[in-house]
Amino acid sequence: MNPAKNTEHKGDRKWYAVHTYSGYEDAVARYLKQRVESLLMSDKIFEVVVPKEIKIKVKNGKRMTQEEKIYPGYVLVSMIMDHDSWSVVRNTPRVTGFVGADSTTPTPLSEEEIKELMERMGPKDPKFNVDLKKDDLVKIVDGPFKEYEGKVAEIDEERGKLKVLVSIFNRDTLVEIDSLQVKKV
């Protein structure tokens, strides 16, 4: 299907994946939003999204939240596909094409794919998923007690912290560590 001869219904709004140069996803989203505004295309191009999710990591013993791109090199666009809208997106700087059979046949994403992706992008306040229970044996993989093994004594799901019994100088010592600093033995 050539977008110039698109037979889709006028009101058929769908999500499309647009391939960009890697590392330029945010810039492409910005450029595209500016083009939509300046070319008066807001009746055909509705949303431009760089799919990202919040990840929690531990660096230098400190917990950090970090936004990571789910699909590096891609931007999602909600639009009604026709020759004009295709042209606006395709001719945006650093856009290399639509995802589809070829560069002139964009394939819309399914409702299920979009629903799953939006849920993954979900709340901006990440929750801790502590996949451990009391008395589990763990190995500490980061921080001052790295390489020690111990037994989980307490779990604080809300803060993502654990209290682990570790043998130091042949004495069981309770240490509080981040749940991301351990792995199950």
N, C-alpha and C. Protein backbone atom coordinates (compact mmCIF):
# COMPACT_ATOMS: atom_id res chain seq x y z
N MET A 1 0.85 -1.18 0.00
CA MET A 1 0.00 0.00 0.00
C MET A 1 0.89 1.23 0.00
N ASN A 2 0.72 2.06 -0.94
CA ASN A 2 1.46 3.32 -1.03
C ASN A 2 0.66 4.37 -0.26
N PRO A 3 1.25 5.09 0.69
CA PRO A 3 0.51 6.05 1.47
C PRO A 3 -0.20 7.10 0.61
N ALA A 4 0.33 7.37 -0.57
CA ALA A 4 -0.31 8.35 -1.45
C ALA A 4 -1.66 7.82 -1.92
N LYS A 5 -1.82 6.49 -1.94
CA LYS A 5 -3.08 5.89 -2.40
C LYS A 5 -3.72 5.10 -1.27
N ASN A 6 -3.57 5.60 -0.08
CA ASN A 6 -4.05 4.91 1.11
C ASN A 6 -5.56 4.76 1.06
N THR A 7 -6.03 3.55 1.34
CA THR A 7 -7.46 3.30 1.30
C THR A 7 -8.07 3.22 2.69
N GLU A 8 -7.27 3.46 3.72
CA GLU A 8 -7.80 3.40 5.09
C GLU A 8 -8.84 4.49 5.31
N HIS A 9 -9.77 4.21 6.20
CA HIS A 9 -10.82 5.17 6.55
C HIS A 9 -10.21 6.42 7.15
N LYS A 10 -10.76 7.58 6.83
CA LYS A 10 -10.23 8.88 7.27
C LYS A 10 -10.00 8.93 8.78
N GLY A 11 -10.92 8.41 9.58
CA GLY A 11 -10.82 8.51 11.03
C GLY A 11 -10.08 7.34 11.65
N ASP A 12 -9.35 6.59 10.87
CA ASP A 12 -8.67 5.38 11.35
C ASP A 12 -7.34 5.73 12.00
N ARG A 13 -7.39 6.13 13.25
CA ARG A 13 -6.19 6.52 14.01
C ARG A 13 -5.51 5.28 14.53
N LYS A 14 -4.20 5.14 14.22
CA LYS A 14 -3.44 3.98 14.67
C LYS A 14 -2.06 4.45 15.14
N TRP A 15 -1.39 3.54 15.85
CA TRP A 15 -0.02 3.79 16.31
C TRP A 15 0.95 3.15 15.33
N TYR A 16 2.02 3.90 15.02
CA TYR A 16 3.06 3.41 14.12
C TYR A 16 4.42 3.57 14.80
N ALA A 17 5.31 2.64 14.51
CA ALA A 17 6.68 2.75 15.02
C ALA A 17 7.53 3.39 13.92
N VAL A 18 8.27 4.42 14.30
CA VAL A 18 9.12 5.15 13.37
C VAL A 18 10.57 4.89 13.77
N HIS A 19 11.37 4.48 12.80
CA HIS A 19 12.79 4.20 13.07
C HIS A 19 13.57 5.50 12.96
N THR A 20 14.48 5.72 13.94
CA THR A 20 15.30 6.94 13.97
C THR A 20 16.76 6.54 14.14
N TYR A 21 17.63 7.51 13.98
CA TYR A 21 19.02 7.26 14.34
C TYR A 21 19.06 7.03 15.84
N SER A 22 19.78 6.01 16.27
CA SER A 22 19.86 5.70 17.69
C SER A 22 20.49 6.86 18.46
N GLY A 23 19.90 7.19 19.59
CA GLY A 23 20.39 8.30 20.40
C GLY A 23 19.67 9.62 20.09
N TYR A 24 18.88 9.65 19.02
CA TYR A 24 18.20 10.88 18.62
C TYR A 24 16.68 10.79 18.81
N GLU A 25 16.22 9.81 19.58
CA GLU A 25 14.78 9.60 19.74
C GLU A 25 14.07 10.84 20.29
N ASP A 26 14.64 11.43 21.36
CA ASP A 26 14.00 12.61 21.96
C ASP A 26 14.02 13.79 21.00
N ALA A 27 15.11 13.96 20.26
CA ALA A 27 15.22 15.05 19.29
C ALA A 27 14.21 14.86 18.17
N VAL A 28 14.05 13.63 17.69
CA VAL A 28 13.07 13.34 16.63
C VAL A 28 11.67 13.66 17.13
N ALA A 29 11.35 13.26 18.38
CA ALA A 29 10.03 13.55 18.94
C ALA A 29 9.80 15.05 18.99
N ARG A 30 10.82 15.80 19.41
CA ARG A 30 10.71 17.27 19.46
C ARG A 30 10.52 17.86 18.06
N TYR A 31 11.36 17.43 17.11
CA TYR A 31 11.25 17.93 15.73
C TYR A 31 9.86 17.63 15.16
N LEU A 32 9.40 16.41 15.38
CA LEU A 32 8.12 16.00 14.82
C LEU A 32 6.97 16.81 15.41
N LYS A 33 7.00 17.05 16.72
CA LYS A 33 5.95 17.86 17.35
C LYS A 33 5.96 19.27 16.78
N GLN A 34 7.16 19.83 16.54
CA GLN A 34 7.26 21.18 15.96
C GLN A 34 6.71 21.18 14.53
N ARG A 35 7.02 20.16 13.76
CA ARG A 35 6.53 20.07 12.37
C ARG A 35 5.02 19.93 12.34
N VAL A 36 4.46 19.13 13.24
CA VAL A 36 3.01 18.95 13.30
C VAL A 36 2.33 20.30 13.55
N GLU A 37 2.91 21.07 14.49
CA GLU A 37 2.38 22.39 14.81
C GLU A 37 2.51 23.36 13.63
N SER A 38 3.71 23.47 13.07
CA SER A 38 3.95 24.47 12.02
C SER A 38 3.25 24.11 10.70
N LEU A 39 3.05 22.80 10.44
CA LEU A 39 2.38 22.40 9.20
C LEU A 39 0.88 22.15 9.41
N LEU A 40 0.38 22.49 10.60
CA LEU A 40 -1.04 22.35 10.93
C LEU A 40 -1.56 20.93 10.68
N MET A 41 -0.86 19.96 11.23
CA MET A 41 -1.22 18.55 11.03
C MET A 41 -1.79 17.89 12.28
N SER A 42 -2.17 18.69 13.28
CA SER A 42 -2.66 18.11 14.54
C SER A 42 -3.99 17.37 14.39
N ASP A 43 -4.63 17.51 13.22
CA ASP A 43 -5.87 16.76 12.98
C ASP A 43 -5.57 15.36 12.44
N LYS A 44 -4.29 15.09 12.11
CA LYS A 44 -3.91 13.77 11.58
C LYS A 44 -2.81 13.10 12.39
N ILE A 45 -1.97 13.90 13.07
CA ILE A 45 -0.89 13.35 13.90
C ILE A 45 -1.16 13.82 15.32
N PHE A 46 -1.46 12.86 16.21
CA PHE A 46 -1.99 13.20 17.53
C PHE A 46 -0.98 13.13 18.66
N GLU A 47 -0.19 12.06 18.70
CA GLU A 47 0.76 11.88 19.80
C GLU A 47 2.09 11.37 19.27
N VAL A 48 3.16 11.82 19.91
CA VAL A 48 4.50 11.35 19.60
C VAL A 48 5.12 10.93 20.93
N VAL A 49 5.54 9.67 21.03
CA VAL A 49 6.02 9.13 22.30
C VAL A 49 7.35 8.39 22.10
N VAL A 50 8.31 8.69 22.97
CA VAL A 50 9.54 7.91 23.04
C VAL A 50 9.31 6.92 24.19
N PRO A 51 9.13 5.62 23.89
CA PRO A 51 8.82 4.66 24.95
C PRO A 51 9.98 4.52 25.94
N LYS A 52 9.70 4.87 27.21
CA LYS A 52 10.70 4.79 28.27
C LYS A 52 10.07 4.18 29.51
N GLU A 53 10.92 3.60 30.34
CA GLU A 53 10.46 3.09 31.63
C GLU A 53 11.48 3.48 32.70
N ILE A 54 11.01 3.53 33.94
CA ILE A 54 11.88 3.87 35.07
C ILE A 54 12.48 2.58 35.62
N LYS A 55 13.79 2.57 35.74
CA LYS A 55 14.50 1.43 36.32
C LYS A 55 15.19 1.90 37.59
N ILE A 56 15.28 1.01 38.57
CA ILE A 56 15.97 1.31 39.82
C ILE A 56 17.30 0.57 39.78
N LYS A 57 18.38 1.29 40.01
CA LYS A 57 19.71 0.69 40.00
C LYS A 57 20.46 1.13 41.24
N VAL A 58 21.49 0.36 41.59
CA VAL A 58 22.36 0.73 42.70
C VAL A 58 23.72 1.05 42.11
N LYS A 59 24.21 2.26 42.38
CA LYS A 59 25.52 2.67 41.91
C LYS A 59 26.27 3.27 43.09
N ASN A 60 27.48 2.79 43.33
CA ASN A 60 28.29 3.24 44.47
C ASN A 60 27.53 3.13 45.79
N GLY A 61 26.74 2.07 45.92
CA GLY A 61 26.00 1.84 47.16
C GLY A 61 24.76 2.71 47.32
N LYS A 62 24.45 3.56 46.34
CA LYS A 62 23.27 4.43 46.43
C LYS A 62 22.24 4.02 45.38
N ARG A 63 21.00 4.04 45.79
CA ARG A 63 19.89 3.70 44.90
C ARG A 63 19.60 4.88 43.99
N MET A 64 19.47 4.58 42.71
CA MET A 64 19.17 5.63 41.74
C MET A 64 18.04 5.16 40.83
N THR A 65 17.16 6.09 40.47
CA THR A 65 16.17 5.76 39.45
C THR A 65 16.68 6.35 38.15
N GLN A 66 16.49 5.60 37.10
CA GLN A 66 17.02 5.99 35.81
C GLN A 66 15.98 5.68 34.75
N GLU A 67 15.78 6.64 33.84
CA GLU A 67 14.84 6.43 32.75
C GLU A 67 15.59 5.77 31.60
N GLU A 68 15.05 4.64 31.12
CA GLU A 68 15.69 3.92 30.02
C GLU A 68 14.71 3.77 28.88
N LYS A 69 15.24 3.90 27.66
CA LYS A 69 14.40 3.70 26.47
C LYS A 69 14.08 2.22 26.36
N ILE A 70 12.82 1.92 26.10
CA ILE A 70 12.40 0.53 25.96
C ILE A 70 12.86 0.00 24.60
N TYR A 71 12.69 0.83 23.56
CA TYR A 71 13.11 0.45 22.20
C TYR A 71 14.04 1.53 21.64
N PRO A 72 15.34 1.45 21.93
CA PRO A 72 16.26 2.44 21.39
C PRO A 72 16.16 2.48 19.86
N GLY A 73 16.14 3.69 19.31
CA GLY A 73 16.07 3.85 17.86
C GLY A 73 14.65 3.93 17.32
N TYR A 74 13.65 4.00 18.22
CA TYR A 74 12.26 4.05 17.76
C TYR A 74 11.46 5.11 18.50
N VAL A 75 10.52 5.71 17.79
CA VAL A 75 9.57 6.66 18.34
C VAL A 75 8.19 6.17 17.90
N LEU A 76 7.20 6.27 18.76
CA LEU A 76 5.85 5.86 18.41
C LEU A 76 5.02 7.08 18.06
N VAL A 77 4.20 6.96 17.01
CA VAL A 77 3.38 8.07 16.56
C VAL A 77 1.95 7.58 16.39
N SER A 78 1.01 8.28 17.03
CA SER A 78 -0.41 8.00 16.86
C SER A 78 -0.91 8.95 15.79
N MET A 79 -1.42 8.37 14.68
CA MET A 79 -1.79 9.21 13.54
C MET A 79 -2.81 8.53 12.64
N ILE A 80 -3.42 9.33 11.78
CA ILE A 80 -4.24 8.82 10.69
C ILE A 80 -3.31 8.81 9.48
N MET A 81 -3.08 7.63 8.93
CA MET A 81 -2.12 7.49 7.85
C MET A 81 -2.72 7.93 6.51
N ASP A 82 -2.13 8.93 5.91
CA ASP A 82 -2.42 9.30 4.53
C ASP A 82 -1.14 9.89 3.95
N HIS A 83 -1.18 10.31 2.71
CA HIS A 83 0.05 10.80 2.07
C HIS A 83 0.67 11.98 2.83
N ASP A 84 -0.17 12.94 3.26
CA ASP A 84 0.35 14.13 3.93
C ASP A 84 0.99 13.79 5.28
N SER A 85 0.28 13.00 6.10
CA SER A 85 0.82 12.67 7.42
C SER A 85 2.07 11.80 7.27
N TRP A 86 2.05 10.86 6.33
CA TRP A 86 3.22 10.01 6.07
C TRP A 86 4.42 10.88 5.71
N SER A 87 4.18 11.86 4.85
CA SER A 87 5.25 12.75 4.37
C SER A 87 5.83 13.60 5.51
N VAL A 88 4.97 14.12 6.38
CA VAL A 88 5.43 14.95 7.51
C VAL A 88 6.36 14.13 8.40
N VAL A 89 5.95 12.91 8.74
CA VAL A 89 6.77 12.06 9.62
C VAL A 89 8.04 11.61 8.90
N ARG A 90 7.88 11.13 7.68
CA ARG A 90 9.01 10.56 6.93
C ARG A 90 10.10 11.60 6.66
N ASN A 91 9.72 12.86 6.48
CA ASN A 91 10.68 13.92 6.16
C ASN A 91 11.16 14.70 7.39
N THR A 92 10.90 14.16 8.57
CA THR A 92 11.41 14.77 9.81
C THR A 92 12.90 14.42 9.92
N PRO A 93 13.74 15.40 10.28
CA PRO A 93 15.18 15.10 10.40
C PRO A 93 15.45 13.91 11.32
N ARG A 94 16.37 13.07 10.90
CA ARG A 94 16.86 11.89 11.63
C ARG A 94 15.86 10.73 11.69
N VAL A 95 14.77 10.82 10.89
CA VAL A 95 13.85 9.69 10.75
C VAL A 95 14.34 8.88 9.57
N THR A 96 14.50 7.57 9.76
CA THR A 96 14.97 6.73 8.66
C THR A 96 13.83 5.97 8.00
N GLY A 97 12.66 5.94 8.62
CA GLY A 97 11.51 5.29 7.99
C GLY A 97 10.53 4.74 9.01
N PHE A 98 9.45 4.20 8.48
CA PHE A 98 8.44 3.55 9.30
C PHE A 98 8.77 2.06 9.40
N VAL A 99 8.30 1.42 10.44
CA VAL A 99 8.44 -0.02 10.54
C VAL A 99 7.31 -0.62 9.72
N GLY A 100 7.69 -1.49 8.80
CA GLY A 100 6.71 -2.13 7.92
C GLY A 100 7.42 -2.98 6.90
N ALA A 101 6.67 -3.51 5.95
CA ALA A 101 7.23 -4.39 4.93
C ALA A 101 8.30 -3.68 4.11
N ASP A 102 8.08 -2.40 3.80
CA ASP A 102 9.09 -1.57 3.14
C ASP A 102 8.82 -0.13 3.53
N SER A 103 9.65 0.79 3.06
CA SER A 103 9.55 2.18 3.53
C SER A 103 8.25 2.87 3.12
N THR A 104 7.52 2.31 2.14
CA THR A 104 6.25 2.95 1.73
C THR A 104 5.04 2.20 2.28
N THR A 105 5.26 1.15 3.08
CA THR A 105 4.14 0.38 3.62
C THR A 105 4.23 0.29 5.14
N PRO A 106 3.88 1.38 5.85
CA PRO A 106 3.93 1.32 7.32
C PRO A 106 2.92 0.31 7.87
N THR A 107 3.35 -0.44 8.86
CA THR A 107 2.47 -1.41 9.50
C THR A 107 2.08 -0.88 10.88
N PRO A 108 0.78 -0.69 11.14
CA PRO A 108 0.38 -0.20 12.46
C PRO A 108 0.63 -1.25 13.53
N LEU A 109 0.87 -0.76 14.75
CA LEU A 109 1.04 -1.66 15.90
C LEU A 109 -0.33 -2.13 16.35
N SER A 110 -0.40 -3.32 16.92
CA SER A 110 -1.69 -3.84 17.38
C SER A 110 -2.10 -3.17 18.69
N GLU A 111 -3.38 -3.22 18.97
CA GLU A 111 -3.91 -2.66 20.22
C GLU A 111 -3.24 -3.31 21.43
N GLU A 112 -2.99 -4.63 21.34
CA GLU A 112 -2.37 -5.35 22.44
C GLU A 112 -0.94 -4.85 22.68
N GLU A 113 -0.19 -4.64 21.59
CA GLU A 113 1.19 -4.15 21.71
C GLU A 113 1.21 -2.78 22.40
N ILE A 114 0.31 -1.90 21.98
CA ILE A 114 0.26 -0.54 22.54
C ILE A 114 -0.17 -0.59 23.99
N LYS A 115 -1.18 -1.40 24.31
CA LYS A 115 -1.66 -1.50 25.70
C LYS A 115 -0.53 -2.00 26.61
N GLU A 116 0.18 -3.04 26.16
CA GLU A 116 1.28 -3.61 26.94
C GLU A 116 2.40 -2.58 27.13
N LEU A 117 2.71 -1.84 26.08
CA LEU A 117 3.78 -0.84 26.14
C LEU A 117 3.40 0.31 27.07
N MET A 118 2.16 0.78 26.99
CA MET A 118 1.72 1.89 27.84
C MET A 118 1.73 1.46 29.31
N GLU A 119 1.36 0.21 29.58
CA GLU A 119 1.41 -0.29 30.96
C GLU A 119 2.86 -0.35 31.44
N ARG A 120 3.75 -0.77 30.56
CA ARG A 120 5.17 -0.85 30.92
C ARG A 120 5.74 0.53 31.21
N MET A 121 5.30 1.53 30.45
CA MET A 121 5.75 2.90 30.68
C MET A 121 5.11 3.43 31.95
N GLY A 122 3.91 2.95 32.22
CA GLY A 122 3.11 3.18 33.40
C GLY A 122 3.48 4.28 34.37
N PRO A 123 3.29 3.99 35.67
CA PRO A 123 3.49 5.01 36.69
C PRO A 123 4.95 5.47 36.74
N LYS A 124 5.12 6.73 37.02
CA LYS A 124 6.46 7.29 37.08
C LYS A 124 7.12 7.02 38.43
N ASP A 125 6.37 6.44 39.36
CA ASP A 125 6.90 6.11 40.68
C ASP A 125 7.15 4.61 40.73
N PRO A 126 8.37 4.16 40.48
CA PRO A 126 8.63 2.72 40.39
C PRO A 126 8.41 2.01 41.72
N LYS A 127 7.87 0.83 41.63
CA LYS A 127 7.64 0.00 42.81
C LYS A 127 8.77 -1.02 42.90
N PHE A 128 9.04 -1.46 44.11
CA PHE A 128 10.08 -2.45 44.33
C PHE A 128 9.46 -3.83 44.22
N ASN A 129 10.15 -4.67 43.51
CA ASN A 129 9.70 -6.05 43.38
C ASN A 129 10.75 -6.92 44.03
N VAL A 130 10.55 -7.21 45.32
CA VAL A 130 11.52 -8.01 46.08
C VAL A 130 11.08 -9.46 45.96
N ASP A 131 11.85 -10.22 45.19
CA ASP A 131 11.50 -11.61 44.92
C ASP A 131 12.21 -12.55 45.90
N LEU A 132 12.13 -12.21 47.17
CA LEU A 132 12.75 -13.01 48.22
C LEU A 132 11.77 -13.17 49.37
N LYS A 133 12.05 -14.15 50.22
CA LYS A 133 11.23 -14.29 51.43
C LYS A 133 12.15 -14.55 52.62
N LYS A 134 11.60 -14.41 53.80
CA LYS A 134 12.38 -14.62 55.02
C LYS A 134 13.03 -15.99 54.99
N ASP A 135 14.29 -16.05 55.48
CA ASP A 135 15.10 -17.27 55.56
C ASP A 135 15.71 -17.72 54.23
N ASP A 136 15.50 -16.97 53.13
CA ASP A 136 16.17 -17.29 51.87
C ASP A 136 17.66 -17.03 52.03
N LEU A 137 18.49 -17.88 51.43
CA LEU A 137 19.93 -17.66 51.42
C LEU A 137 20.27 -16.76 50.24
N VAL A 138 21.10 -15.73 50.51
CA VAL A 138 21.46 -14.77 49.47
C VAL A 138 22.97 -14.53 49.48
N LYS A 139 23.46 -14.07 48.34
CA LYS A 139 24.85 -13.64 48.24
C LYS A 139 24.82 -12.15 47.95
N ILE A 140 25.62 -11.39 48.69
CA ILE A 140 25.67 -9.94 48.49
C ILE A 140 26.60 -9.68 47.32
N VAL A 141 26.11 -8.94 46.32
CA VAL A 141 26.87 -8.74 45.08
C VAL A 141 27.39 -7.31 44.92
N ASP A 142 27.07 -6.43 45.87
CA ASP A 142 27.51 -5.03 45.77
C ASP A 142 27.58 -4.41 47.16
N GLY A 143 28.43 -3.43 47.31
CA GLY A 143 28.53 -2.71 48.57
C GLY A 143 29.64 -3.23 49.46
N PRO A 144 29.71 -2.73 50.70
CA PRO A 144 30.81 -3.08 51.60
C PRO A 144 30.82 -4.56 52.00
N PHE A 145 29.71 -5.25 51.90
CA PHE A 145 29.65 -6.66 52.28
C PHE A 145 29.65 -7.59 51.07
N LYS A 146 30.15 -7.08 49.95
CA LYS A 146 30.20 -7.85 48.70
C LYS A 146 30.90 -9.18 48.94
N GLU A 147 30.36 -10.23 48.31
CA GLU A 147 30.86 -11.61 48.38
C GLU A 147 30.44 -12.36 49.65
N TYR A 148 29.86 -11.68 50.64
CA TYR A 148 29.36 -12.37 51.83
C TYR A 148 28.05 -13.07 51.48
N GLU A 149 27.81 -14.16 52.21
CA GLU A 149 26.52 -14.85 52.08
C GLU A 149 25.79 -14.70 53.39
N GLY A 150 24.48 -14.71 53.30
CA GLY A 150 23.69 -14.56 54.52
C GLY A 150 22.27 -15.06 54.33
N LYS A 151 21.49 -14.89 55.41
CA LYS A 151 20.09 -15.34 55.41
C LYS A 151 19.19 -14.12 55.62
N VAL A 152 18.14 -14.01 54.80
CA VAL A 152 17.20 -12.89 54.90
C VAL A 152 16.46 -12.99 56.23
N ALA A 153 16.54 -11.91 57.02
CA ALA A 153 15.85 -11.87 58.31
C ALA A 153 14.57 -11.04 58.22
N GLU A 154 14.63 -9.92 57.47
CA GLU A 154 13.46 -9.04 57.33
C GLU A 154 13.43 -8.48 55.91
N ILE A 155 12.21 -8.17 55.46
CA ILE A 155 12.05 -7.55 54.14
C ILE A 155 11.17 -6.31 54.29
N ASP A 156 11.68 -5.19 53.80
CA ASP A 156 10.89 -3.96 53.78
C ASP A 156 10.55 -3.68 52.31
N GLU A 157 9.39 -4.21 51.86
CA GLU A 157 8.97 -4.10 50.46
C GLU A 157 8.83 -2.64 50.03
N GLU A 158 8.31 -1.82 50.94
CA GLU A 158 8.04 -0.43 50.59
C GLU A 158 9.31 0.33 50.23
N ARG A 159 10.39 0.09 50.96
CA ARG A 159 11.66 0.78 50.72
C ARG A 159 12.62 -0.04 49.86
N GLY A 160 12.28 -1.32 49.62
CA GLY A 160 13.17 -2.17 48.84
C GLY A 160 14.43 -2.54 49.59
N LYS A 161 14.35 -2.62 50.91
CA LYS A 161 15.52 -2.93 51.75
C LYS A 161 15.35 -4.30 52.39
N LEU A 162 16.49 -4.90 52.71
CA LEU A 162 16.51 -6.19 53.40
C LEU A 162 17.39 -6.09 54.63
N LYS A 163 17.08 -6.90 55.63
CA LYS A 163 18.01 -7.11 56.74
C LYS A 163 18.46 -8.55 56.59
N VAL A 164 19.79 -8.69 56.48
CA VAL A 164 20.38 -10.00 56.22
C VAL A 164 21.34 -10.35 57.35
N LEU A 165 21.25 -11.58 57.84
CA LEU A 165 22.18 -12.08 58.86
C LEU A 165 23.43 -12.58 58.14
N VAL A 166 24.54 -11.92 58.43
CA VAL A 166 25.82 -12.24 57.81
C VAL A 166 26.80 -12.63 58.92
N SER A 167 27.60 -13.65 58.67
CA SER A 167 28.59 -14.08 59.66
C SER A 167 29.87 -13.25 59.48
N ILE A 168 30.13 -12.40 60.49
CA ILE A 168 31.34 -11.58 60.49
C ILE A 168 32.10 -11.94 61.76
N PHE A 169 33.35 -12.37 61.61
CA PHE A 169 34.16 -12.85 62.73
C PHE A 169 33.41 -13.91 63.54
N ASN A 170 32.81 -14.85 62.83
CA ASN A 170 32.05 -15.96 63.41
C ASN A 170 30.88 -15.52 64.29
N ARG A 171 30.39 -14.33 64.05
CA ARG A 171 29.20 -13.85 64.77
C ARG A 171 28.16 -13.44 63.74
N ASP A 172 26.91 -13.83 63.94
CA ASP A 172 25.84 -13.39 63.05
C ASP A 172 25.57 -11.91 63.31
N THR A 173 25.69 -11.13 62.26
CA THR A 173 25.48 -9.68 62.35
C THR A 173 24.38 -9.30 61.37
N LEU A 174 23.43 -8.50 61.84
CA LEU A 174 22.32 -8.04 61.01
C LEU A 174 22.76 -6.81 60.23
N VAL A 175 22.73 -6.90 58.89
CA VAL A 175 23.09 -5.74 58.06
C VAL A 175 21.89 -5.39 57.18
N GLU A 176 21.69 -4.07 57.03
CA GLU A 176 20.61 -3.62 56.16
C GLU A 176 21.21 -3.27 54.81
N ILE A 177 20.67 -3.88 53.76
CA ILE A 177 21.16 -3.60 52.41
C ILE A 177 19.99 -3.46 51.45
N ASP A 178 20.30 -2.92 50.32
CA ASP A 178 19.31 -2.73 49.27
C ASP A 178 19.01 -4.08 48.63
N SER A 179 17.75 -4.31 48.28
CA SER A 179 17.37 -5.59 47.68
C SER A 179 18.07 -5.81 46.33
N LEU A 180 18.53 -4.74 45.68
CA LEU A 180 19.22 -4.89 44.40
C LEU A 180 20.69 -5.29 44.58
N GLN A 181 21.15 -5.34 45.83
CA GLN A 181 22.55 -5.69 46.09
C GLN A 181 22.73 -7.17 46.42
N VAL A 182 21.68 -7.96 46.28
CA VAL A 182 21.79 -9.39 46.60
C VAL A 182 21.23 -10.23 45.45
N LYS A 183 21.69 -11.48 45.44
CA LYS A 183 21.05 -12.47 44.55
C LYS A 183 20.84 -13.74 45.34
N LYS A 184 19.81 -14.45 44.97
CA LYS A 184 19.47 -15.69 45.64
C LYS A 184 20.55 -16.73 45.38
N VAL A 185 20.87 -17.50 46.44
CA VAL A 185 21.90 -18.56 46.28
C VAL A 185 21.24 -19.81 45.78
